[in-house]
């Protein structure tokens, strides 16, 4: 099964940022923005799979890039600089685990007929 952008679901959640509840949306736009953040602000050209690995390792850059992407995908008009100034890990209790669950929920299920290792 080929996975395309349209195959990614869009689970939603919310977080509190600077005392204000803000929606989060987990979709292809989230992934694209997270990749852009890594390149523009961290100086690394990382694909989304790499960013998910950083998230799994508890790297703050991975957490922030995905959350910022999810905020922007949900329609938040917030600049990266403002996000980083207001962000606190305590804004989302269990943030790493929640993000991992949301990103996994966004992916389509693998069917029994799918070939492992088939890049197409």
PDB file of N, CA and C in Angstrom:
ATOM      1  N   UNK A   1       0.835  -1.179   0.000  1.00  0.00           N
ATOM      2  CA  UNK A   1       0.000   0.000   0.000  1.00  0.00           C
ATOM      3  C   UNK A   1       0.879   1.241   0.000  1.00  0.00           C
ATOM      4  N   UNK A   2       0.624   2.127  -0.934  1.00  0.00           N
ATOM      5  CA  UNK A   2       1.351   3.384  -0.972  1.00  0.00           C
ATOM      6  C   UNK A   2       0.689   4.352  -0.005  1.00  0.00           C
ATOM      7  N   UNK A   3       1.519   5.064   0.758  1.00  0.00           N
ATOM      8  CA  UNK A   3       0.966   6.046   1.678  1.00  0.00           C
ATOM      9  C   UNK A   3       1.138   7.425   1.070  1.00  0.00           C
ATOM     10  N   UNK A   4       0.046   8.147   1.001  1.00  0.00           N
ATOM     11  CA  UNK A   4       0.064   9.496   0.469  1.00  0.00           C
ATOM     12  C   UNK A   4      -0.455  10.441   1.541  1.00  0.00           C
ATOM     13  N   UNK A   5      -0.250  11.732   1.313  1.00  0.00           N
ATOM     14  CA  UNK A   5      -0.688  12.735   2.264  1.00  0.00           C
ATOM     15  C   UNK A   5      -2.152  12.622   2.614  1.00  0.00           C
ATOM     16  N   UNK A   6      -2.974  12.276   1.630  1.00  0.00           N
ATOM     17  CA  UNK A   6      -4.402  12.178   1.899  1.00  0.00           C
ATOM     18  C   UNK A   6      -4.742  11.009   2.819  1.00  0.00           C
ATOM     19  N   UNK A   7      -3.792  10.075   2.998  1.00  0.00           N
ATOM     20  CA  UNK A   7      -4.023   8.921   3.853  1.00  0.00           C
ATOM     21  C   UNK A   7      -3.790   9.227   5.333  1.00  0.00           C
ATOM     22  N   UNK A   8      -3.203  10.377   5.621  1.00  0.00           N
ATOM     23  CA  UNK A   8      -2.935  10.743   6.997  1.00  0.00           C
ATOM     24  C   UNK A   8      -4.177  11.388   7.587  1.00  0.00           C
ATOM     25  N   UNK A   9      -4.645  10.841   8.680  1.00  0.00           N
ATOM     26  CA  UNK A   9      -5.819  11.352   9.376  1.00  0.00           C
ATOM     27  C   UNK A   9      -5.435  12.659  10.059  1.00  0.00           C
ATOM     28  N   UNK A  10      -6.353  13.300  10.681  1.00  0.00           N
ATOM     29  CA  UNK A  10      -6.055  14.555  11.352  1.00  0.00           C
ATOM     30  C   UNK A  10      -6.604  14.554  12.773  1.00  0.00           C
ATOM     31  N   UNK A  11      -6.008  13.742  13.662  1.00  0.00           N
ATOM     32  CA  UNK A  11      -6.438  13.785  15.049  1.00  0.00           C
ATOM     33  C   UNK A  11      -6.221  15.187  15.621  1.00  0.00           C
ATOM     34  N   UNK A  12      -7.065  15.575  16.535  1.00  0.00           N
ATOM     35  CA  UNK A  12      -6.927  16.890  17.141  1.00  0.00           C
ATOM     36  C   UNK A  12      -6.783  16.747  18.656  1.00  0.00           C
ATOM     37  N   UNK A  13      -6.222  17.771  19.239  1.00  0.00           N
ATOM     38  CA  UNK A  13      -6.007  17.832  20.670  1.00  0.00           C
ATOM     39  C   UNK A  13      -5.927  19.312  21.014  1.00  0.00           C
ATOM     40  N   UNK A  14      -5.494  19.623  22.202  1.00  0.00           N
ATOM     41  CA  UNK A  14      -5.265  21.021  22.546  1.00  0.00           C
ATOM     42  C   UNK A  14      -4.167  21.111  23.584  1.00  0.00           C
ATOM     43  N   UNK A  15      -3.594  22.285  23.687  1.00  0.00           N
ATOM     44  CA  UNK A  15      -2.581  22.555  24.692  1.00  0.00           C
ATOM     45  C   UNK A  15      -2.820  23.951  25.241  1.00  0.00           C
ATOM     46  N   UNK A  16      -2.236  24.225  26.374  1.00  0.00           N
ATOM     47  CA  UNK A  16      -2.286  25.556  26.954  1.00  0.00           C
ATOM     48  C   UNK A  16      -0.944  26.214  26.692  1.00  0.00           C
ATOM     49  N   UNK A  17      -0.990  27.390  26.092  1.00  0.00           N
ATOM     50  CA  UNK A  17       0.228  28.122  25.776  1.00  0.00           C
ATOM     51  C   UNK A  17       0.052  29.550  26.268  1.00  0.00           C
ATOM     52  N   UNK A  18       0.885  29.947  27.219  1.00  0.00           N
ATOM     53  CA  UNK A  18       0.757  31.282  27.777  1.00  0.00           C
ATOM     54  C   UNK A  18      -0.584  31.517  28.439  1.00  0.00           C
ATOM     55  N   UNK A  19      -1.150  30.476  29.053  1.00  0.00           N
ATOM     56  CA  UNK A  19      -2.425  30.587  29.735  1.00  0.00           C
ATOM     57  C   UNK A  19      -3.643  30.487  28.832  1.00  0.00           C
ATOM     58  N   UNK A  20      -3.435  30.323  27.532  1.00  0.00           N
ATOM     59  CA  UNK A  20      -4.538  30.242  26.571  1.00  0.00           C
ATOM     60  C   UNK A  20      -4.614  28.846  25.961  1.00  0.00           C
ATOM     61  N   UNK A  21      -5.819  28.253  25.956  1.00  0.00           N
ATOM     62  CA  UNK A  21      -5.984  26.944  25.313  1.00  0.00           C
ATOM     63  C   UNK A  21      -5.959  27.131  23.803  1.00  0.00           C
ATOM     64  N   UNK A  22      -5.161  26.285  23.139  1.00  0.00           N
ATOM     65  CA  UNK A  22      -5.014  26.379  21.694  1.00  0.00           C
ATOM     66  C   UNK A  22      -5.187  25.000  21.079  1.00  0.00           C
ATOM     67  N   UNK A  23      -5.836  24.925  19.912  1.00  0.00           N
ATOM     68  CA  UNK A  23      -6.043  23.635  19.265  1.00  0.00           C
ATOM     69  C   UNK A  23      -4.770  23.130  18.588  1.00  0.00           C
ATOM     70  N   UNK A  24      -4.664  21.820  18.516  1.00  0.00           N
ATOM     71  CA  UNK A  24      -3.579  21.150  17.807  1.00  0.00           C
ATOM     72  C   UNK A  24      -4.197  20.248  16.746  1.00  0.00           C
ATOM     73  N   UNK A  25      -3.596  20.188  15.584  1.00  0.00           N
ATOM     74  CA  UNK A  25      -4.068  19.306  14.511  1.00  0.00           C
ATOM     75  C   UNK A  25      -2.863  18.529  13.985  1.00  0.00           C
ATOM     76  N   UNK A  26      -3.011  17.219  13.889  1.00  0.00           N
ATOM     77  CA  UNK A  26      -1.912  16.353  13.469  1.00  0.00           C
ATOM     78  C   UNK A  26      -2.207  15.795  12.085  1.00  0.00           C
ATOM     79  N   UNK A  27      -1.573  16.393  11.070  1.00  0.00           N
ATOM     80  CA  UNK A  27      -1.785  15.998   9.684  1.00  0.00           C
ATOM     81  C   UNK A  27      -0.502  16.227   8.885  1.00  0.00           C
ATOM     82  N   UNK A  28      -0.589  16.156   7.577  1.00  0.00           N
ATOM     83  CA  UNK A  28       0.592  16.338   6.733  1.00  0.00           C
ATOM     84  C   UNK A  28       1.182  17.736   6.885  1.00  0.00           C
ATOM     85  N   UNK A  29       0.348  18.725   7.081  1.00  0.00           N
ATOM     86  CA  UNK A  29       0.831  20.094   7.279  1.00  0.00           C
ATOM     87  C   UNK A  29       1.686  20.170   8.542  1.00  0.00           C
ATOM     88  N   UNK A  30       1.278  19.461   9.581  1.00  0.00           N
ATOM     89  CA  UNK A  30       2.068  19.395  10.819  1.00  0.00           C
ATOM     90  C   UNK A  30       3.471  18.878  10.506  1.00  0.00           C
ATOM     91  N   UNK A  31       3.531  17.823   9.728  1.00  0.00           N
ATOM     92  CA  UNK A  31       4.813  17.203   9.385  1.00  0.00           C
ATOM     93  C   UNK A  31       5.680  18.151   8.563  1.00  0.00           C
ATOM     94  N   UNK A  32       5.077  18.817   7.577  1.00  0.00           N
ATOM     95  CA  UNK A  32       5.834  19.738   6.721  1.00  0.00           C
ATOM     96  C   UNK A  32       6.392  20.901   7.540  1.00  0.00           C
ATOM     97  N   UNK A  33       5.564  21.463   8.411  1.00  0.00           N
ATOM     98  CA  UNK A  33       6.008  22.590   9.229  1.00  0.00           C
ATOM     99  C   UNK A  33       7.129  22.158  10.168  1.00  0.00           C
ATOM    100  N   UNK A  34       6.994  20.981  10.774  1.00  0.00           N
ATOM    101  CA  UNK A  34       8.051  20.487  11.666  1.00  0.00           C
ATOM    102  C   UNK A  34       9.371  20.352  10.909  1.00  0.00           C
ATOM    103  N   UNK A  35       9.336  19.843   9.687  1.00  0.00           N
ATOM    104  CA  UNK A  35      10.554  19.741   8.877  1.00  0.00           C
ATOM    105  C   UNK A  35      11.128  21.125   8.578  1.00  0.00           C
ATOM    106  N   UNK A  36      10.245  22.074   8.243  1.00  0.00           N
ATOM    107  CA  UNK A  36      10.691  23.445   7.957  1.00  0.00           C
ATOM    108  C   UNK A  36      11.350  24.074   9.180  1.00  0.00           C
ATOM    109  N   UNK A  37      10.746  23.854  10.359  1.00  0.00           N
ATOM    110  CA  UNK A  37      11.305  24.395  11.597  1.00  0.00           C
ATOM    111  C   UNK A  37      12.718  23.862  11.811  1.00  0.00           C
ATOM    112  N   UNK A  38      12.896  22.568  11.627  1.00  0.00           N
ATOM    113  CA  UNK A  38      14.220  21.978  11.828  1.00  0.00           C
ATOM    114  C   UNK A  38      15.248  22.597  10.903  1.00  0.00           C
ATOM    115  N   UNK A  39      14.864  22.806   9.662  1.00  0.00           N
ATOM    116  CA  UNK A  39      15.819  23.371   8.704  1.00  0.00           C
ATOM    117  C   UNK A  39      16.083  24.854   8.983  1.00  0.00           C
ATOM    118  N   UNK A  40      15.026  25.624   9.173  1.00  0.00           N
ATOM    119  CA  UNK A  40      15.167  27.068   9.331  1.00  0.00           C
ATOM    120  C   UNK A  40      15.750  27.479  10.677  1.00  0.00           C
ATOM    121  N   UNK A  41      15.291  26.872  11.755  1.00  0.00           N
ATOM    122  CA  UNK A  41      15.688  27.345  13.083  1.00  0.00           C
ATOM    123  C   UNK A  41      16.774  26.503  13.751  1.00  0.00           C
ATOM    124  N   UNK A  42      16.892  25.241  13.355  1.00  0.00           N
ATOM    125  CA  UNK A  42      17.914  24.394  13.955  1.00  0.00           C
ATOM    126  C   UNK A  42      19.067  24.116  12.997  1.00  0.00           C
ATOM    127  N   UNK A  43      18.933  24.565  11.733  1.00  0.00           N
ATOM    128  CA  UNK A  43      20.013  24.411  10.768  1.00  0.00           C
ATOM    129  C   UNK A  43      20.261  22.977  10.332  1.00  0.00           C
ATOM    130  N   UNK A  44      19.246  22.115  10.496  1.00  0.00           N
ATOM    131  CA  UNK A  44      19.390  20.709  10.097  1.00  0.00           C
ATOM    132  C   UNK A  44      18.268  20.320   9.150  1.00  0.00           C
ATOM    133  N   UNK A  45      18.614  19.665   8.083  1.00  0.00           N
ATOM    134  CA  UNK A  45      17.629  19.182   7.130  1.00  0.00           C
ATOM    135  C   UNK A  45      17.195  17.785   7.573  1.00  0.00           C
ATOM    136  N   UNK A  46      16.190  17.728   8.438  1.00  0.00           N
ATOM    137  CA  UNK A  46      15.716  16.459   9.002  1.00  0.00           C
ATOM    138  C   UNK A  46      14.363  16.113   8.397  1.00  0.00           C
ATOM    139  N   UNK A  47      14.188  14.850   8.017  1.00  0.00           N
ATOM    140  CA  UNK A  47      12.858  14.445   7.555  1.00  0.00           C
ATOM    141  C   UNK A  47      12.000  14.133   8.781  1.00  0.00           C
ATOM    142  N   UNK A  48      10.709  13.966   8.548  1.00  0.00           N
ATOM    143  CA  UNK A  48       9.807  13.807   9.680  1.00  0.00           C
ATOM    144  C   UNK A  48      10.096  12.546  10.487  1.00  0.00           C
ATOM    145  N   UNK A  49      10.541  11.492   9.832  1.00  0.00           N
ATOM    146  CA  UNK A  49      10.884  10.260  10.554  1.00  0.00           C
ATOM    147  C   UNK A  49      12.010  10.531  11.556  1.00  0.00           C
ATOM    148  N   UNK A  50      12.987  11.352  11.168  1.00  0.00           N
ATOM    149  CA  UNK A  50      14.066  11.715  12.089  1.00  0.00           C
ATOM    150  C   UNK A  50      13.522  12.520  13.265  1.00  0.00           C
ATOM    151  N   UNK A  51      12.609  13.442  12.971  1.00  0.00           N
ATOM    152  CA  UNK A  51      12.038  14.277  14.023  1.00  0.00           C
ATOM    153  C   UNK A  51      11.252  13.415  15.015  1.00  0.00           C
ATOM    154  N   UNK A  52      10.553  12.398  14.512  1.00  0.00           N
ATOM    155  CA  UNK A  52       9.849  11.478  15.407  1.00  0.00           C
ATOM    156  C   UNK A  52      10.831  10.721  16.302  1.00  0.00           C
ATOM    157  N   UNK A  53      11.992  10.382  15.762  1.00  0.00           N
ATOM    158  CA  UNK A  53      13.010   9.722  16.586  1.00  0.00           C
ATOM    159  C   UNK A  53      13.498  10.659  17.684  1.00  0.00           C
ATOM    160  N   UNK A  54      13.686  11.945  17.342  1.00  0.00           N
ATOM    161  CA  UNK A  54      14.089  12.924  18.355  1.00  0.00           C
ATOM    162  C   UNK A  54      13.006  13.034  19.431  1.00  0.00           C
ATOM    163  N   UNK A  55      11.757  13.002  18.995  1.00  0.00           N
ATOM    164  CA  UNK A  55      10.639  13.038  19.939  1.00  0.00           C
ATOM    165  C   UNK A  55      10.708  11.834  20.881  1.00  0.00           C
ATOM    166  N   UNK A  56      10.911  10.646  20.311  1.00  0.00           N
ATOM    167  CA  UNK A  56      10.970   9.426  21.120  1.00  0.00           C
ATOM    168  C   UNK A  56      12.121   9.469  22.127  1.00  0.00           C
ATOM    169  N   UNK A  57      13.198  10.182  21.777  1.00  0.00           N
ATOM    170  CA  UNK A  57      14.345  10.311  22.681  1.00  0.00           C
ATOM    171  C   UNK A  57      14.146  11.429  23.694  1.00  0.00           C
ATOM    172  N   UNK A  58      13.024  12.146  23.583  1.00  0.00           N
ATOM    173  CA  UNK A  58      12.746  13.230  24.521  1.00  0.00           C
ATOM    174  C   UNK A  58      13.492  14.513  24.209  1.00  0.00           C
ATOM    175  N   UNK A  59      13.972  14.655  22.965  1.00  0.00           N
ATOM    176  CA  UNK A  59      14.693  15.868  22.579  1.00  0.00           C
ATOM    177  C   UNK A  59      13.719  17.034  22.491  1.00  0.00           C
ATOM    178  N   UNK A  60      14.044  18.119  23.146  1.00  0.00           N
ATOM    179  CA  UNK A  60      13.157  19.276  23.202  1.00  0.00           C
ATOM    180  C   UNK A  60      12.878  19.845  21.813  1.00  0.00           C
ATOM    181  N   UNK A  61      13.858  19.810  20.921  1.00  0.00           N
ATOM    182  CA  UNK A  61      13.656  20.313  19.558  1.00  0.00           C
ATOM    183  C   UNK A  61      12.579  19.537  18.823  1.00  0.00           C
ATOM    184  N   UNK A  62      12.575  18.220  18.974  1.00  0.00           N
ATOM    185  CA  UNK A  62      11.560  17.390  18.335  1.00  0.00           C
ATOM    186  C   UNK A  62      10.175  17.680  18.891  1.00  0.00           C
ATOM    187  N   UNK A  63      10.093  17.811  20.192  1.00  0.00           N
ATOM    188  CA  UNK A  63       8.816  18.107  20.845  1.00  0.00           C
ATOM    189  C   UNK A  63       8.279  19.450  20.359  1.00  0.00           C
ATOM    190  N   UNK A  64       9.131  20.462  20.385  1.00  0.00           N
ATOM    191  CA  UNK A  64       8.695  21.801  20.006  1.00  0.00           C
ATOM    192  C   UNK A  64       8.346  21.905  18.525  1.00  0.00           C
ATOM    193  N   UNK A  65       9.121  21.264  17.674  1.00  0.00           N
ATOM    194  CA  UNK A  65       8.851  21.335  16.231  1.00  0.00           C
ATOM    195  C   UNK A  65       7.495  20.722  15.902  1.00  0.00           C
ATOM    196  N   UNK A  66       7.184  19.579  16.501  1.00  0.00           N
ATOM    197  CA  UNK A  66       5.906  18.922  16.228  1.00  0.00           C
ATOM    198  C   UNK A  66       4.745  19.721  16.819  1.00  0.00           C
ATOM    199  N   UNK A  67       4.900  20.193  18.038  1.00  0.00           N
ATOM    200  CA  UNK A  67       3.826  20.996  18.635  1.00  0.00           C
ATOM    201  C   UNK A  67       3.579  22.279  17.839  1.00  0.00           C
ATOM    202  N   UNK A  68       4.643  22.939  17.418  1.00  0.00           N
ATOM    203  CA  UNK A  68       4.483  24.163  16.633  1.00  0.00           C
ATOM    204  C   UNK A  68       3.791  23.849  15.305  1.00  0.00           C
ATOM    205  N   UNK A  69       4.200  22.761  14.666  1.00  0.00           N
ATOM    206  CA  UNK A  69       3.537  22.353  13.424  1.00  0.00           C
ATOM    207  C   UNK A  69       2.062  22.066  13.645  1.00  0.00           C
ATOM    208  N   UNK A  70       1.731  21.416  14.761  1.00  0.00           N
ATOM    209  CA  UNK A  70       0.332  21.088  15.057  1.00  0.00           C
ATOM    210  C   UNK A  70      -0.487  22.344  15.370  1.00  0.00           C
ATOM    211  N   UNK A  71       0.127  23.309  16.035  1.00  0.00           N
ATOM    212  CA  UNK A  71      -0.554  24.577  16.306  1.00  0.00           C
ATOM    213  C   UNK A  71      -0.855  25.318  15.005  1.00  0.00           C
ATOM    214  N   UNK A  72       0.166  25.435  14.163  1.00  0.00           N
ATOM    215  CA  UNK A  72      -0.006  26.167  12.900  1.00  0.00           C
ATOM    216  C   UNK A  72      -0.988  25.446  11.980  1.00  0.00           C
ATOM    217  N   UNK A  73      -0.938  24.120  11.968  1.00  0.00           N
ATOM    218  CA  UNK A  73      -1.860  23.346  11.139  1.00  0.00           C
ATOM    219  C   UNK A  73      -3.303  23.542  11.588  1.00  0.00           C
ATOM    220  N   UNK A  74      -3.502  23.768  12.885  1.00  0.00           N
ATOM    221  CA  UNK A  74      -4.851  23.996  13.420  1.00  0.00           C
ATOM    222  C   UNK A  74      -5.313  25.433  13.210  1.00  0.00           C
ATOM    223  N   UNK A  75      -4.452  26.274  12.634  1.00  0.00           N
ATOM    224  CA  UNK A  75      -4.842  27.639  12.315  1.00  0.00           C
ATOM    225  C   UNK A  75      -4.289  28.709  13.229  1.00  0.00           C
ATOM    226  N   UNK A  76      -3.457  28.348  14.189  1.00  0.00           N
ATOM    227  CA  UNK A  76      -2.887  29.358  15.088  1.00  0.00           C
ATOM    228  C   UNK A  76      -1.942  30.271  14.319  1.00  0.00           C
ATOM    229  N   UNK A  77      -2.119  31.552  14.501  1.00  0.00           N
ATOM    230  CA  UNK A  77      -1.230  32.542  13.895  1.00  0.00           C
ATOM    231  C   UNK A  77      -0.203  32.949  14.942  1.00  0.00           C
ATOM    232  N   UNK A  78       0.831  32.146  15.067  1.00  0.00           N
ATOM    233  CA  UNK A  78       1.854  32.410  16.078  1.00  0.00           C
ATOM    234  C   UNK A  78       3.221  32.235  15.438  1.00  0.00           C
ATOM    235  N   UNK A  79       4.082  33.191  15.676  1.00  0.00           N
ATOM    236  CA  UNK A  79       5.443  33.120  15.146  1.00  0.00           C
ATOM    237  C   UNK A  79       6.268  32.162  15.998  1.00  0.00           C
ATOM    238  N   UNK A  80       7.275  31.559  15.389  1.00  0.00           N
ATOM    239  CA  UNK A  80       8.158  30.632  16.105  1.00  0.00           C
ATOM    240  C   UNK A  80       8.749  31.311  17.347  1.00  0.00           C
ATOM    241  N   UNK A  81       9.193  32.540  17.210  1.00  0.00           N
ATOM    242  CA  UNK A  81       9.809  33.269  18.326  1.00  0.00           C
ATOM    243  C   UNK A  81       8.829  33.398  19.495  1.00  0.00           C
ATOM    244  N   UNK A  82       7.571  33.719  19.199  1.00  0.00           N
ATOM    245  CA  UNK A  82       6.561  33.850  20.247  1.00  0.00           C
ATOM    246  C   UNK A  82       6.240  32.501  20.878  1.00  0.00           C
ATOM    247  N   UNK A  83       6.198  31.469  20.037  1.00  0.00           N
ATOM    248  CA  UNK A  83       5.950  30.118  20.546  1.00  0.00           C
ATOM    249  C   UNK A  83       7.053  29.691  21.512  1.00  0.00           C
ATOM    250  N   UNK A  84       8.297  29.886  21.113  1.00  0.00           N
ATOM    251  CA  UNK A  84       9.402  29.452  21.966  1.00  0.00           C
ATOM    252  C   UNK A  84       9.459  30.252  23.264  1.00  0.00           C
ATOM    253  N   UNK A  85       9.052  31.519  23.228  1.00  0.00           N
ATOM    254  CA  UNK A  85       9.040  32.339  24.444  1.00  0.00           C
ATOM    255  C   UNK A  85       7.958  31.879  25.413  1.00  0.00           C
ATOM    256  N   UNK A  86       6.827  31.424  24.887  1.00  0.00           N
ATOM    257  CA  UNK A  86       5.691  31.046  25.738  1.00  0.00           C
ATOM    258  C   UNK A  86       5.680  29.571  26.120  1.00  0.00           C
ATOM    259  N   UNK A  87       6.365  28.720  25.369  1.00  0.00           N
ATOM    260  CA  UNK A  87       6.282  27.266  25.566  1.00  0.00           C
ATOM    261  C   UNK A  87       6.948  26.822  26.862  1.00  0.00           C
ATOM    262  N   UNK A  88       6.250  25.942  27.565  1.00  0.00           N
ATOM    263  CA  UNK A  88       6.778  25.256  28.742  1.00  0.00           C
ATOM    264  C   UNK A  88       6.392  23.793  28.622  1.00  0.00           C
ATOM    265  N   UNK A  89       7.294  22.904  28.943  1.00  0.00           N
ATOM    266  CA  UNK A  89       6.980  21.476  28.863  1.00  0.00           C
ATOM    267  C   UNK A  89       5.770  21.116  29.708  1.00  0.00           C
ATOM    268  N   UNK A  90       5.542  21.852  30.768  1.00  0.00           N
ATOM    269  CA  UNK A  90       4.409  21.575  31.652  1.00  0.00           C
ATOM    270  C   UNK A  90       3.076  22.002  31.048  1.00  0.00           C
ATOM    271  N   UNK A  91       3.104  22.700  29.886  1.00  0.00           N
ATOM    272  CA  UNK A  91       1.861  23.104  29.223  1.00  0.00           C
ATOM    273  C   UNK A  91       1.051  21.895  28.759  1.00  0.00           C
ATOM    274  N   UNK A  92       1.733  20.805  28.488  1.00  0.00           N
ATOM    275  CA  UNK A  92       1.065  19.586  28.030  1.00  0.00           C
ATOM    276  C   UNK A  92       1.588  18.433  28.888  1.00  0.00           C
ATOM    277  N   UNK A  93       0.855  18.052  29.939  1.00  0.00           N
ATOM    278  CA  UNK A  93       1.314  16.943  30.771  1.00  0.00           C
ATOM    279  C   UNK A  93       1.489  15.677  29.930  1.00  0.00           C
ATOM    280  N   UNK A  94       2.606  14.998  30.104  1.00  0.00           N
ATOM    281  CA  UNK A  94       2.885  13.793  29.327  1.00  0.00           C
ATOM    282  C   UNK A  94       3.070  14.102  27.851  1.00  0.00           C
ATOM    283  N   UNK A  95       3.683  15.240  27.547  1.00  0.00           N
ATOM    284  CA  UNK A  95       3.756  15.748  26.181  1.00  0.00           C
ATOM    285  C   UNK A  95       4.359  14.742  25.204  1.00  0.00           C
ATOM    286  N   UNK A  96       5.443  14.118  25.548  1.00  0.00           N
ATOM    287  CA  UNK A  96       6.104  13.204  24.610  1.00  0.00           C
ATOM    288  C   UNK A  96       5.193  12.033  24.265  1.00  0.00           C
ATOM    289  N   UNK A  97       4.589  11.437  25.275  1.00  0.00           N
ATOM    290  CA  UNK A  97       3.712  10.297  25.044  1.00  0.00           C
ATOM    291  C   UNK A  97       2.474  10.704  24.248  1.00  0.00           C
ATOM    292  N   UNK A  98       1.911  11.868  24.568  1.00  0.00           N
ATOM    293  CA  UNK A  98       0.739  12.333  23.836  1.00  0.00           C
ATOM    294  C   UNK A  98       1.050  12.587  22.374  1.00  0.00           C
ATOM    295  N   UNK A  99       2.191  13.209  22.103  1.00  0.00           N
ATOM    296  CA  UNK A  99       2.555  13.474  20.715  1.00  0.00           C
ATOM    297  C   UNK A  99       2.781  12.181  19.942  1.00  0.00           C
ATOM    298  N   UNK A 100       3.445  11.241  20.568  1.00  0.00           N
ATOM    299  CA  UNK A 100       3.660   9.959  19.904  1.00  0.00           C
ATOM    300  C   UNK A 100       2.323   9.293  19.577  1.00  0.00           C
ATOM    301  N   UNK A 101       1.390   9.312  20.510  1.00  0.00           N
ATOM    302  CA  UNK A 101       0.070   8.710  20.279  1.00  0.00           C
ATOM    303  C   UNK A 101      -0.670   9.427  19.159  1.00  0.00           C
ATOM    304  N   UNK A 102      -0.630  10.761  19.156  1.00  0.00           N
ATOM    305  CA  UNK A 102      -1.325  11.530  18.123  1.00  0.00           C
ATOM    306  C   UNK A 102      -0.739  11.265  16.740  1.00  0.00           C
ATOM    307  N   UNK A 103       0.576  11.199  16.636  1.00  0.00           N
ATOM    308  CA  UNK A 103       1.195  10.969  15.340  1.00  0.00           C
ATOM    309  C   UNK A 103       0.923   9.540  14.857  1.00  0.00           C
ATOM    310  N   UNK A 104       0.928   8.582  15.764  1.00  0.00           N
ATOM    311  CA  UNK A 104       0.591   7.207  15.375  1.00  0.00           C
ATOM    312  C   UNK A 104      -0.868   7.111  14.944  1.00  0.00           C
ATOM    313  N   UNK A 105      -1.749   7.828  15.626  1.00  0.00           N
ATOM    314  CA  UNK A 105      -3.169   7.824  15.266  1.00  0.00           C
ATOM    315  C   UNK A 105      -3.395   8.456  13.898  1.00  0.00           C
ATOM    316  N   UNK A 106      -2.507   9.345  13.481  1.00  0.00           N
ATOM    317  CA  UNK A 106      -2.657  10.022  12.189  1.00  0.00           C
ATOM    318  C   UNK A 106      -2.322   9.109  11.018  1.00  0.00           C
ATOM    319  N   UNK A 107      -1.524   8.083  11.262  1.00  0.00           N
ATOM    320  CA  UNK A 107      -1.091   7.192  10.184  1.00  0.00           C
ATOM    321  C   UNK A 107      -2.145   6.134   9.881  1.00  0.00           C
ATOM    322  N   UNK A 108      -2.277   5.774   8.598  1.00  0.00           N
ATOM    323  CA  UNK A 108      -3.236   4.721   8.252  1.00  0.00           C
ATOM    324  C   UNK A 108      -2.745   3.374   8.757  1.00  0.00           C
ATOM    325  N   UNK A 109      -3.663   2.467   9.080  1.00  0.00           N
ATOM    326  CA  UNK A 109      -3.240   1.142   9.555  1.00  0.00           C
ATOM    327  C   UNK A 109      -2.591   0.348   8.426  1.00  0.00           C
ATOM    328  N   UNK A 110      -1.685  -0.518   8.809  1.00  0.00           N
ATOM    329  CA  UNK A 110      -1.031  -1.390   7.843  1.00  0.00           C
ATOM    330  C   UNK A 110      -1.914  -2.620   7.668  1.00  0.00           C
ATOM    331  N   UNK A 111      -2.217  -2.954   6.417  1.00  0.00           N
ATOM    332  CA  UNK A 111      -3.040  -4.137   6.177  1.00  0.00           C
ATOM    333  C   UNK A 111      -2.150  -5.360   6.004  1.00  0.00           C
ATOM    334  N   UNK A 112      -2.731  -6.537   6.138  1.00  0.00           N
ATOM    335  CA  UNK A 112      -1.952  -7.780   6.051  1.00  0.00           C
ATOM    336  C   UNK A 112      -1.297  -7.953   4.696  1.00  0.00           C
ATOM    337  N   UNK A 113      -1.869  -7.384   3.647  1.00  0.00           N
ATOM    338  CA  UNK A 113      -1.319  -7.547   2.312  1.00  0.00           C
ATOM    339  C   UNK A 113      -0.156  -6.624   1.993  1.00  0.00           C
ATOM    340  N   UNK A 114       0.151  -5.669   2.885  1.00  0.00           N
ATOM    341  CA  UNK A 114       1.246  -4.739   2.632  1.00  0.00           C
ATOM    342  C   UNK A 114       2.573  -5.474   2.697  1.00  0.00           C
ATOM    343  N   UNK A 115       3.481  -5.087   1.816  1.00  0.00           N
ATOM    344  CA  UNK A 115       4.810  -5.671   1.808  1.00  0.00           C
ATOM    345  C   UNK A 115       5.712  -4.850   2.696  1.00  0.00           C
ATOM    346  N   UNK A 116       6.394  -5.496   3.626  1.00  0.00           N
ATOM    347  CA  UNK A 116       7.337  -4.784   4.484  1.00  0.00           C
ATOM    348  C   UNK A 116       8.563  -4.399   3.650  1.00  0.00           C
ATOM    349  N   UNK A 117       9.017  -3.196   3.879  1.00  0.00           N
ATOM    350  CA  UNK A 117      10.212  -2.741   3.183  1.00  0.00           C
ATOM    351  C   UNK A 117       9.945  -2.255   1.771  1.00  0.00           C
ATOM    352  N   UNK A 118       8.694  -2.305   1.294  1.00  0.00           N
ATOM    353  CA  UNK A 118       8.369  -1.844  -0.051  1.00  0.00           C
ATOM    354  C   UNK A 118       8.242  -0.319   0.007  1.00  0.00           C
ATOM    355  N   UNK A 119       9.163   0.434  -0.628  1.00  0.00           N
ATOM    356  CA  UNK A 119       9.125   1.879  -0.528  1.00  0.00           C
ATOM    357  C   UNK A 119       8.008   2.520  -1.333  1.00  0.00           C
ATOM    358  N   UNK A 120       7.265   1.755  -2.070  1.00  0.00           N
ATOM    359  CA  UNK A 120       6.208   2.333  -2.891  1.00  0.00           C
ATOM    360  C   UNK A 120       4.893   2.187  -2.294  1.00  0.00           C
TER     361      UNK A 120
END
